[in-house]
Amino acid sequence: MSPTGVSQRYTEALASAAEEKGVLDEVQTDVEGLIDLLDSSEYLVTYTTDPFILPEQKREAFSRLFGGKVQDLTLNFLLLLCEKRRERQLAEMLRDYLALMDERRGLTTAEVTSATELSEGQLEGLRVKLSTYSGKDVRVVASVDPSLNAGFIARLGDQVFDGTLDSMVDRLHHALRVGS
């Protein structure tokens, strides 16, 4: 999903400032940690997105929660979002920031769902093939879906590679029907 105009402006500004200050890696670590925190704390998400909590209250809460624990630039970014009443888009902006950093580094993510857990060798082989196909370095995020009979489905951007047993049987069935 491409970032909204607002998210894109904020994430590009954060990336530029982090690059200028030489803290890209530290800010990325902060952003990844904030995403993990939001993913694990429904209370924080509710608090952040509540339109009835005043921006000053959110700024104070963010300062207490994150002051001294994240890069100053990251904290200033959070406080600016509160000031501009954009904190409700925090999760979106954090994910968009990571996507922007991946894009700048020539890295893309492939989501692979398989019927059973893939070995490290299988994942690496898949990563190499997808990297060759895309021309980019690929990070593989794997998950298991036992409802797949066998095989895997890989999503790389808008491209879907369906290597499931059901898909192979369907293609074979179609080929046999067309050939007869």
N, C-alpha and C. Protein backbone atom coordinates (compact mmCIF):
# COMPACT_ATOMS: atom_id res chain seq x y z
N MET A 1 0.85 -1.17 0.00
CA MET A 1 0.00 0.00 0.00
C MET A 1 0.89 1.23 0.00
N SER A 2 0.60 2.18 -0.88
CA SER A 2 1.42 3.38 -0.94
C SER A 2 0.96 4.36 0.13
N PRO A 3 1.91 5.15 0.66
CA PRO A 3 1.56 6.06 1.73
C PRO A 3 0.65 7.19 1.26
N THR A 4 -0.18 7.68 2.19
CA THR A 4 -1.01 8.84 1.88
C THR A 4 -0.11 10.06 1.77
N GLY A 5 -0.62 11.14 1.20
CA GLY A 5 0.18 12.35 1.05
C GLY A 5 0.71 12.86 2.37
N VAL A 6 -0.13 12.87 3.40
CA VAL A 6 0.29 13.36 4.71
C VAL A 6 1.37 12.46 5.28
N SER A 7 1.12 11.16 5.27
CA SER A 7 2.10 10.21 5.80
C SER A 7 3.42 10.32 5.05
N GLN A 8 3.34 10.43 3.75
CA GLN A 8 4.55 10.52 2.93
C GLN A 8 5.37 11.75 3.30
N ARG A 9 4.72 12.88 3.49
CA ARG A 9 5.45 14.11 3.86
C ARG A 9 6.15 13.96 5.20
N TYR A 10 5.45 13.42 6.17
CA TYR A 10 6.03 13.27 7.51
C TYR A 10 7.17 12.24 7.51
N THR A 11 6.95 11.11 6.84
CA THR A 11 7.98 10.07 6.86
C THR A 11 9.22 10.49 6.08
N GLU A 12 9.02 11.20 4.99
CA GLU A 12 10.18 11.70 4.23
C GLU A 12 10.93 12.76 5.03
N ALA A 13 10.20 13.58 5.76
CA ALA A 13 10.86 14.59 6.60
C ALA A 13 11.66 13.91 7.71
N LEU A 14 11.11 12.89 8.33
CA LEU A 14 11.82 12.15 9.37
C LEU A 14 13.06 11.48 8.80
N ALA A 15 12.92 10.86 7.64
CA ALA A 15 14.07 10.19 7.01
C ALA A 15 15.16 11.19 6.66
N SER A 16 14.78 12.32 6.11
CA SER A 16 15.78 13.34 5.75
C SER A 16 16.50 13.87 6.98
N ALA A 17 15.74 14.15 8.04
CA ALA A 17 16.36 14.66 9.27
C ALA A 17 17.28 13.60 9.88
N ALA A 18 16.86 12.33 9.86
CA ALA A 18 17.69 11.26 10.42
C ALA A 18 18.97 11.09 9.61
N GLU A 19 18.85 11.22 8.31
CA GLU A 19 20.02 11.11 7.45
C GLU A 19 20.98 12.28 7.70
N GLU A 20 20.42 13.47 7.80
CA GLU A 20 21.22 14.68 8.04
C GLU A 20 21.98 14.59 9.37
N LYS A 21 21.33 14.03 10.40
CA LYS A 21 21.95 13.92 11.72
C LYS A 21 22.79 12.65 11.88
N GLY A 22 22.74 11.78 10.86
CA GLY A 22 23.51 10.54 10.92
C GLY A 22 22.97 9.52 11.90
N VAL A 23 21.65 9.50 12.06
CA VAL A 23 21.04 8.57 13.02
C VAL A 23 19.97 7.68 12.36
N LEU A 24 20.15 7.37 11.09
CA LEU A 24 19.17 6.54 10.37
C LEU A 24 18.94 5.20 11.05
N ASP A 25 20.01 4.52 11.42
CA ASP A 25 19.86 3.20 12.04
C ASP A 25 19.17 3.29 13.39
N GLU A 26 19.51 4.30 14.19
CA GLU A 26 18.90 4.46 15.50
C GLU A 26 17.41 4.76 15.38
N VAL A 27 17.06 5.63 14.45
CA VAL A 27 15.64 5.96 14.25
C VAL A 27 14.88 4.74 13.74
N GLN A 28 15.50 3.97 12.84
CA GLN A 28 14.83 2.76 12.35
C GLN A 28 14.58 1.79 13.50
N THR A 29 15.56 1.63 14.39
CA THR A 29 15.38 0.76 15.55
C THR A 29 14.24 1.27 16.42
N ASP A 30 14.19 2.59 16.63
CA ASP A 30 13.09 3.18 17.40
C ASP A 30 11.74 2.89 16.75
N VAL A 31 11.67 3.10 15.44
CA VAL A 31 10.42 2.90 14.71
C VAL A 31 9.97 1.44 14.80
N GLU A 32 10.90 0.52 14.63
CA GLU A 32 10.55 -0.90 14.76
C GLU A 32 10.04 -1.21 16.16
N GLY A 33 10.68 -0.64 17.17
CA GLY A 33 10.24 -0.85 18.55
C GLY A 33 8.87 -0.25 18.81
N LEU A 34 8.62 0.93 18.25
CA LEU A 34 7.30 1.57 18.42
C LEU A 34 6.21 0.75 17.75
N ILE A 35 6.50 0.19 16.58
CA ILE A 35 5.52 -0.66 15.90
C ILE A 35 5.22 -1.88 16.76
N ASP A 36 6.27 -2.50 17.30
CA ASP A 36 6.06 -3.67 18.17
C ASP A 36 5.22 -3.29 19.38
N LEU A 37 5.49 -2.11 19.96
CA LEU A 37 4.75 -1.65 21.12
C LEU A 37 3.28 -1.41 20.77
N LEU A 38 3.02 -0.76 19.65
CA LEU A 38 1.64 -0.52 19.23
C LEU A 38 0.93 -1.84 18.92
N ASP A 39 1.65 -2.78 18.32
CA ASP A 39 1.05 -4.08 18.00
C ASP A 39 0.71 -4.88 19.26
N SER A 40 1.43 -4.62 20.34
CA SER A 40 1.21 -5.41 21.56
C SER A 40 0.38 -4.68 22.62
N SER A 41 0.09 -3.38 22.42
CA SER A 41 -0.63 -2.63 23.43
C SER A 41 -1.87 -1.96 22.86
N GLU A 42 -2.98 -2.62 23.05
CA GLU A 42 -4.25 -2.06 22.59
C GLU A 42 -4.54 -0.74 23.32
N TYR A 43 -4.11 -0.66 24.58
CA TYR A 43 -4.32 0.56 25.35
C TYR A 43 -3.59 1.74 24.70
N LEU A 44 -2.35 1.54 24.28
CA LEU A 44 -1.58 2.62 23.66
C LEU A 44 -2.22 3.05 22.34
N VAL A 45 -2.70 2.09 21.57
CA VAL A 45 -3.36 2.42 20.31
C VAL A 45 -4.62 3.24 20.59
N THR A 46 -5.41 2.81 21.56
CA THR A 46 -6.64 3.52 21.91
C THR A 46 -6.32 4.93 22.39
N TYR A 47 -5.30 5.06 23.23
CA TYR A 47 -4.90 6.37 23.75
C TYR A 47 -4.43 7.27 22.61
N THR A 48 -3.61 6.74 21.74
CA THR A 48 -3.04 7.52 20.65
C THR A 48 -4.11 8.00 19.67
N THR A 49 -5.10 7.17 19.44
CA THR A 49 -6.11 7.51 18.43
C THR A 49 -7.34 8.21 19.00
N ASP A 50 -7.41 8.36 20.31
CA ASP A 50 -8.57 9.00 20.94
C ASP A 50 -8.59 10.50 20.63
N PRO A 51 -9.59 10.97 19.89
CA PRO A 51 -9.64 12.39 19.52
C PRO A 51 -10.00 13.32 20.69
N PHE A 52 -10.47 12.74 21.81
CA PHE A 52 -10.89 13.57 22.93
C PHE A 52 -9.77 13.85 23.93
N ILE A 53 -8.65 13.18 23.76
CA ILE A 53 -7.49 13.47 24.61
C ILE A 53 -6.73 14.62 23.96
N LEU A 54 -6.48 15.65 24.72
CA LEU A 54 -5.85 16.86 24.19
C LEU A 54 -4.42 16.58 23.73
N PRO A 55 -3.99 17.28 22.67
CA PRO A 55 -2.62 17.11 22.17
C PRO A 55 -1.56 17.32 23.26
N GLU A 56 -1.80 18.28 24.16
CA GLU A 56 -0.83 18.55 25.23
C GLU A 56 -0.69 17.33 26.15
N GLN A 57 -1.81 16.66 26.40
CA GLN A 57 -1.77 15.47 27.25
C GLN A 57 -0.99 14.34 26.57
N LYS A 58 -1.20 14.19 25.28
CA LYS A 58 -0.48 13.16 24.54
C LYS A 58 1.01 13.48 24.47
N ARG A 59 1.33 14.76 24.27
CA ARG A 59 2.74 15.16 24.25
C ARG A 59 3.41 14.82 25.58
N GLU A 60 2.74 15.13 26.67
CA GLU A 60 3.28 14.85 28.00
C GLU A 60 3.46 13.34 28.20
N ALA A 61 2.46 12.57 27.78
CA ALA A 61 2.54 11.12 27.93
C ALA A 61 3.69 10.56 27.09
N PHE A 62 3.82 11.00 25.86
CA PHE A 62 4.92 10.53 25.00
C PHE A 62 6.27 10.92 25.58
N SER A 63 6.36 12.13 26.12
CA SER A 63 7.63 12.58 26.72
C SER A 63 8.00 11.69 27.89
N ARG A 64 7.03 11.37 28.75
CA ARG A 64 7.31 10.52 29.90
C ARG A 64 7.62 9.08 29.49
N LEU A 65 6.87 8.57 28.52
CA LEU A 65 7.06 7.19 28.08
C LEU A 65 8.37 6.96 27.33
N PHE A 66 8.71 7.91 26.45
CA PHE A 66 9.81 7.66 25.52
C PHE A 66 11.04 8.53 25.73
N GLY A 67 10.94 9.56 26.57
CA GLY A 67 12.09 10.43 26.82
C GLY A 67 13.28 9.65 27.36
N GLY A 68 14.42 9.79 26.73
CA GLY A 68 15.62 9.08 27.15
C GLY A 68 15.67 7.63 26.70
N LYS A 69 14.59 7.15 26.08
CA LYS A 69 14.54 5.75 25.63
C LYS A 69 14.63 5.63 24.12
N VAL A 70 14.32 6.72 23.43
CA VAL A 70 14.42 6.74 21.98
C VAL A 70 15.30 7.92 21.57
N GLN A 71 15.76 7.88 20.36
CA GLN A 71 16.54 8.96 19.78
C GLN A 71 15.75 10.28 19.92
N ASP A 72 16.43 11.38 20.24
CA ASP A 72 15.75 12.67 20.39
C ASP A 72 14.92 13.01 19.15
N LEU A 73 15.44 12.69 17.98
CA LEU A 73 14.72 12.97 16.74
C LEU A 73 13.40 12.20 16.70
N THR A 74 13.43 10.96 17.14
CA THR A 74 12.21 10.14 17.16
C THR A 74 11.19 10.74 18.12
N LEU A 75 11.66 11.15 19.30
CA LEU A 75 10.75 11.77 20.27
C LEU A 75 10.18 13.07 19.72
N ASN A 76 11.01 13.88 19.10
CA ASN A 76 10.53 15.14 18.51
C ASN A 76 9.48 14.87 17.42
N PHE A 77 9.67 13.79 16.66
CA PHE A 77 8.71 13.40 15.64
C PHE A 77 7.36 13.07 16.29
N LEU A 78 7.39 12.30 17.37
CA LEU A 78 6.16 11.94 18.07
C LEU A 78 5.46 13.18 18.63
N LEU A 79 6.24 14.08 19.20
CA LEU A 79 5.67 15.30 19.77
C LEU A 79 5.08 16.20 18.69
N LEU A 80 5.75 16.26 17.54
CA LEU A 80 5.24 17.05 16.42
C LEU A 80 3.91 16.49 15.92
N LEU A 81 3.83 15.16 15.86
CA LEU A 81 2.56 14.55 15.44
C LEU A 81 1.42 14.95 16.37
N CYS A 82 1.71 14.97 17.67
CA CYS A 82 0.69 15.39 18.64
C CYS A 82 0.30 16.85 18.41
N GLU A 83 1.31 17.68 18.26
CA GLU A 83 1.07 19.12 18.08
C GLU A 83 0.22 19.39 16.84
N LYS A 84 0.47 18.65 15.78
CA LYS A 84 -0.25 18.84 14.51
C LYS A 84 -1.50 17.97 14.42
N ARG A 85 -1.81 17.28 15.52
CA ARG A 85 -2.98 16.39 15.57
C ARG A 85 -2.94 15.30 14.51
N ARG A 86 -1.76 14.74 14.31
CA ARG A 86 -1.58 13.65 13.35
C ARG A 86 -1.23 12.34 14.05
N GLU A 87 -1.25 12.33 15.38
CA GLU A 87 -0.85 11.14 16.13
C GLU A 87 -1.76 9.95 15.87
N ARG A 88 -2.98 10.22 15.42
CA ARG A 88 -3.89 9.11 15.11
C ARG A 88 -3.39 8.30 13.91
N GLN A 89 -2.48 8.87 13.14
CA GLN A 89 -1.91 8.17 11.98
C GLN A 89 -0.53 7.60 12.31
N LEU A 90 -0.18 7.54 13.59
CA LEU A 90 1.16 7.11 13.99
C LEU A 90 1.52 5.74 13.43
N ALA A 91 0.68 4.74 13.62
CA ALA A 91 0.99 3.38 13.16
C ALA A 91 1.23 3.36 11.65
N GLU A 92 0.38 4.05 10.91
CA GLU A 92 0.53 4.11 9.45
C GLU A 92 1.86 4.76 9.08
N MET A 93 2.18 5.88 9.75
CA MET A 93 3.41 6.59 9.43
C MET A 93 4.65 5.77 9.77
N LEU A 94 4.60 5.05 10.88
CA LEU A 94 5.75 4.22 11.25
C LEU A 94 5.98 3.12 10.22
N ARG A 95 4.92 2.49 9.78
CA ARG A 95 5.06 1.44 8.76
C ARG A 95 5.51 2.03 7.42
N ASP A 96 5.00 3.20 7.10
CA ASP A 96 5.41 3.87 5.87
C ASP A 96 6.89 4.27 5.93
N TYR A 97 7.36 4.64 7.12
CA TYR A 97 8.77 4.98 7.29
C TYR A 97 9.64 3.76 6.99
N LEU A 98 9.27 2.61 7.54
CA LEU A 98 10.05 1.40 7.28
C LEU A 98 10.03 1.05 5.80
N ALA A 99 8.89 1.21 5.15
CA ALA A 99 8.80 0.93 3.72
C ALA A 99 9.69 1.89 2.93
N LEU A 100 9.72 3.15 3.33
CA LEU A 100 10.57 4.13 2.67
C LEU A 100 12.04 3.78 2.84
N MET A 101 12.42 3.37 4.04
CA MET A 101 13.82 2.97 4.28
C MET A 101 14.18 1.74 3.46
N ASP A 102 13.26 0.79 3.39
CA ASP A 102 13.52 -0.41 2.58
C ASP A 102 13.71 -0.02 1.11
N GLU A 103 12.84 0.87 0.63
CA GLU A 103 12.92 1.32 -0.76
C GLU A 103 14.26 2.00 -1.03
N ARG A 104 14.69 2.86 -0.13
CA ARG A 104 15.96 3.55 -0.30
C ARG A 104 17.14 2.60 -0.28
N ARG A 105 17.00 1.50 0.43
CA ARG A 105 18.08 0.52 0.53
C ARG A 105 17.97 -0.58 -0.53
N GLY A 106 16.96 -0.47 -1.40
CA GLY A 106 16.77 -1.47 -2.44
C GLY A 106 16.30 -2.81 -1.90
N LEU A 107 15.56 -2.76 -0.81
CA LEU A 107 15.09 -3.97 -0.14
C LEU A 107 13.58 -4.06 -0.28
N THR A 108 13.09 -5.26 -0.51
CA THR A 108 11.65 -5.47 -0.59
C THR A 108 11.30 -6.70 0.25
N THR A 109 10.05 -6.82 0.62
CA THR A 109 9.62 -7.93 1.47
C THR A 109 8.69 -8.85 0.70
N ALA A 110 8.96 -10.13 0.82
CA ALA A 110 8.08 -11.15 0.26
C ALA A 110 7.40 -11.86 1.42
N GLU A 111 6.08 -11.99 1.33
CA GLU A 111 5.31 -12.73 2.34
C GLU A 111 5.08 -14.11 1.80
N VAL A 112 5.58 -15.10 2.51
CA VAL A 112 5.47 -16.49 2.07
C VAL A 112 4.63 -17.26 3.07
N THR A 113 3.57 -17.87 2.57
CA THR A 113 2.71 -18.70 3.41
C THR A 113 2.83 -20.13 2.89
N SER A 114 3.14 -21.05 3.79
CA SER A 114 3.32 -22.44 3.38
C SER A 114 2.47 -23.36 4.24
N ALA A 115 2.28 -24.57 3.73
CA ALA A 115 1.46 -25.55 4.45
C ALA A 115 2.17 -26.02 5.71
N THR A 116 3.49 -26.12 5.64
CA THR A 116 4.30 -26.51 6.80
C THR A 116 5.46 -25.53 6.91
N GLU A 117 6.11 -25.53 8.05
CA GLU A 117 7.22 -24.62 8.25
C GLU A 117 8.36 -24.97 7.29
N LEU A 118 8.88 -23.92 6.63
CA LEU A 118 9.98 -24.11 5.68
C LEU A 118 11.31 -24.09 6.43
N SER A 119 12.25 -24.88 5.95
CA SER A 119 13.59 -24.90 6.57
C SER A 119 14.34 -23.62 6.19
N GLU A 120 15.41 -23.35 6.90
CA GLU A 120 16.25 -22.18 6.58
C GLU A 120 16.77 -22.27 5.15
N GLY A 121 17.15 -23.48 4.73
CA GLY A 121 17.65 -23.67 3.36
C GLY A 121 16.58 -23.37 2.32
N GLN A 122 15.36 -23.83 2.58
CA GLN A 122 14.26 -23.55 1.65
C GLN A 122 13.96 -22.06 1.58
N LEU A 123 13.94 -21.41 2.75
CA LEU A 123 13.68 -19.96 2.78
C LEU A 123 14.78 -19.20 2.05
N GLU A 124 16.02 -19.61 2.24
CA GLU A 124 17.14 -18.93 1.57
C GLU A 124 17.06 -19.14 0.06
N GLY A 125 16.75 -20.36 -0.38
CA GLY A 125 16.60 -20.62 -1.81
C GLY A 125 15.49 -19.78 -2.41
N LEU A 126 14.40 -19.67 -1.70
CA LEU A 126 13.27 -18.85 -2.15
C LEU A 126 13.66 -17.38 -2.20
N ARG A 127 14.39 -16.93 -1.17
CA ARG A 127 14.85 -15.53 -1.13
C ARG A 127 15.74 -15.21 -2.33
N VAL A 128 16.65 -16.12 -2.64
CA VAL A 128 17.56 -15.91 -3.77
C VAL A 128 16.78 -15.84 -5.08
N LYS A 129 15.84 -16.76 -5.29
CA LYS A 129 15.05 -16.76 -6.52
C LYS A 129 14.20 -15.49 -6.64
N LEU A 130 13.59 -15.07 -5.53
CA LEU A 130 12.77 -13.86 -5.57
C LEU A 130 13.64 -12.62 -5.77
N SER A 131 14.84 -12.62 -5.22
CA SER A 131 15.78 -11.50 -5.42
C SER A 131 16.18 -11.41 -6.88
N THR A 132 16.46 -12.55 -7.48
CA THR A 132 16.82 -12.58 -8.90
C THR A 132 15.65 -12.09 -9.74
N TYR A 133 14.45 -12.53 -9.42
CA TYR A 133 13.26 -12.13 -10.17
C TYR A 133 13.02 -10.62 -10.06
N SER A 134 13.13 -10.08 -8.84
CA SER A 134 12.78 -8.67 -8.61
C SER A 134 13.92 -7.71 -8.88
N GLY A 135 15.15 -8.20 -8.84
CA GLY A 135 16.29 -7.30 -9.00
C GLY A 135 16.59 -6.53 -7.72
N LYS A 136 15.97 -6.91 -6.64
CA LYS A 136 16.17 -6.25 -5.34
C LYS A 136 16.54 -7.29 -4.31
N ASP A 137 17.11 -6.82 -3.22
CA ASP A 137 17.36 -7.71 -2.09
C ASP A 137 16.00 -7.98 -1.45
N VAL A 138 15.69 -9.24 -1.18
CA VAL A 138 14.37 -9.61 -0.67
C VAL A 138 14.49 -10.13 0.76
N ARG A 139 13.62 -9.64 1.61
CA ARG A 139 13.46 -10.16 2.97
C ARG A 139 12.23 -11.04 2.93
N VAL A 140 12.36 -12.26 3.42
CA VAL A 140 11.24 -13.20 3.42
C VAL A 140 10.61 -13.24 4.81
N VAL A 141 9.31 -12.99 4.85
CA VAL A 141 8.53 -13.12 6.08
C VAL A 141 7.65 -14.33 5.89
N ALA A 142 7.91 -15.36 6.67
CA ALA A 142 7.23 -16.64 6.48
C ALA A 142 6.15 -16.86 7.53
N SER A 143 5.07 -17.51 7.09
CA SER A 143 4.02 -17.93 8.01
C SER A 143 3.50 -19.29 7.54
N VAL A 144 2.81 -19.97 8.43
CA VAL A 144 2.28 -21.30 8.13
C VAL A 144 0.75 -21.24 8.13
N ASP A 145 0.16 -21.85 7.11
CA ASP A 145 -1.29 -21.98 7.02
C ASP A 145 -1.59 -23.45 6.72
N PRO A 146 -1.94 -24.21 7.75
CA PRO A 146 -2.18 -25.65 7.54
C PRO A 146 -3.33 -25.95 6.58
N SER A 147 -4.16 -24.96 6.29
CA SER A 147 -5.27 -25.22 5.36
C SER A 147 -4.77 -25.40 3.93
N LEU A 148 -3.55 -24.98 3.64
CA LEU A 148 -2.96 -25.26 2.33
C LEU A 148 -2.59 -26.74 2.34
N ASN A 149 -2.96 -27.46 1.31
CA ASN A 149 -2.66 -28.90 1.29
C ASN A 149 -1.17 -29.16 1.27
N ALA A 150 -0.47 -28.46 0.43
CA ALA A 150 0.98 -28.59 0.31
C ALA A 150 1.47 -27.42 -0.51
N GLY A 151 2.76 -27.11 -0.40
CA GLY A 151 3.32 -26.03 -1.19
C GLY A 151 3.29 -24.71 -0.47
N PHE A 152 3.34 -23.62 -1.25
CA PHE A 152 3.41 -22.28 -0.66
C PHE A 152 2.81 -21.25 -1.61
N ILE A 153 2.53 -20.09 -1.05
CA ILE A 153 2.12 -18.91 -1.81
C ILE A 153 3.09 -17.80 -1.41
N ALA A 154 3.72 -17.16 -2.40
CA ALA A 154 4.64 -16.05 -2.14
C ALA A 154 4.06 -14.78 -2.74
N ARG A 155 4.04 -13.71 -1.95
CA ARG A 155 3.57 -12.41 -2.42
C ARG A 155 4.75 -11.45 -2.39
N LEU A 156 5.05 -10.90 -3.55
CA LEU A 156 6.14 -9.95 -3.70
C LEU A 156 5.56 -8.72 -4.37
N GLY A 157 5.23 -7.71 -3.55
CA GLY A 157 4.53 -6.55 -4.09
C GLY A 157 3.17 -6.98 -4.59
N ASP A 158 2.86 -6.67 -5.85
CA ASP A 158 1.58 -7.04 -6.44
C ASP A 158 1.61 -8.42 -7.08
N GLN A 159 2.78 -9.01 -7.17
CA GLN A 159 2.95 -10.32 -7.81
C GLN A 159 2.69 -11.44 -6.81
N VAL A 160 1.91 -12.45 -7.23
CA VAL A 160 1.63 -13.60 -6.39
C VAL A 160 2.13 -14.85 -7.12
N PHE A 161 2.92 -15.65 -6.42
CA PHE A 161 3.42 -16.91 -6.95
C PHE A 161 2.73 -18.02 -6.16
N ASP A 162 1.85 -18.75 -6.84
CA ASP A 162 1.07 -19.80 -6.17
C ASP A 162 1.66 -21.15 -6.50
N GLY A 163 2.38 -21.72 -5.56
CA GLY A 163 2.98 -23.03 -5.72
C GLY A 163 2.32 -24.07 -4.84
N THR A 164 1.03 -23.89 -4.59
CA THR A 164 0.31 -24.86 -3.75
C THR A 164 -0.08 -26.07 -4.59
N LEU A 165 -0.29 -27.17 -3.92
CA LEU A 165 -0.70 -28.40 -4.60
C LEU A 165 -2.03 -28.19 -5.32
N ASP A 166 -2.97 -27.52 -4.68
CA ASP A 166 -4.28 -27.27 -5.30
C ASP A 166 -4.12 -26.50 -6.61
N SER A 167 -3.27 -25.50 -6.61
CA SER A 167 -3.04 -24.70 -7.80
C SER A 167 -2.41 -25.53 -8.91
N MET A 168 -1.44 -26.37 -8.54
CA MET A 168 -0.78 -27.22 -9.54
C MET A 168 -1.77 -28.22 -10.15
N VAL A 169 -2.62 -28.79 -9.31
CA VAL A 169 -3.63 -29.74 -9.81
C VAL A 169 -4.61 -29.02 -10.73
N ASP A 170 -5.03 -27.81 -10.36
CA ASP A 170 -5.93 -27.03 -11.21
C ASP A 170 -5.30 -26.75 -12.57
N ARG A 171 -4.00 -26.37 -12.58
CA ARG A 171 -3.32 -26.08 -13.85
C ARG A 171 -3.21 -27.35 -14.70
N LEU A 172 -2.91 -28.46 -14.07
CA LEU A 172 -2.81 -29.73 -14.79
C LEU A 172 -4.18 -30.12 -15.36
N HIS A 173 -5.20 -29.98 -14.55
CA HIS A 173 -6.57 -30.28 -15.00
C HIS A 173 -6.94 -29.41 -16.20
N HIS A 174 -6.63 -28.14 -16.14
CA HIS A 174 -6.93 -27.21 -17.24
C HIS A 174 -6.15 -27.60 -18.49
N ALA A 175 -4.87 -27.95 -18.33
CA ALA A 175 -4.04 -28.33 -19.46
C ALA A 175 -4.58 -29.59 -20.13
N LEU A 176 -5.04 -30.54 -19.33
CA LEU A 176 -5.61 -31.77 -19.88
C LEU A 176 -6.90 -31.51 -20.63
N ARG A 177 -7.73 -30.61 -20.09
CA ARG A 177 -9.00 -30.28 -20.78
C ARG A 177 -8.76 -29.56 -22.07
N VAL A 178 -7.83 -28.64 -22.07
CA VAL A 178 -7.54 -27.86 -23.28
C VAL A 178 -6.88 -28.76 -24.34
N GLY A 179 -6.05 -29.69 -23.90
CA GLY A 179 -5.33 -30.56 -24.82
C GLY A 179 -6.21 -31.63 -25.46
N SER A 180 -7.37 -31.91 -24.88
CA SER A 180 -8.18 -32.99 -25.45
C SER A 180 -9.20 -32.53 -26.42
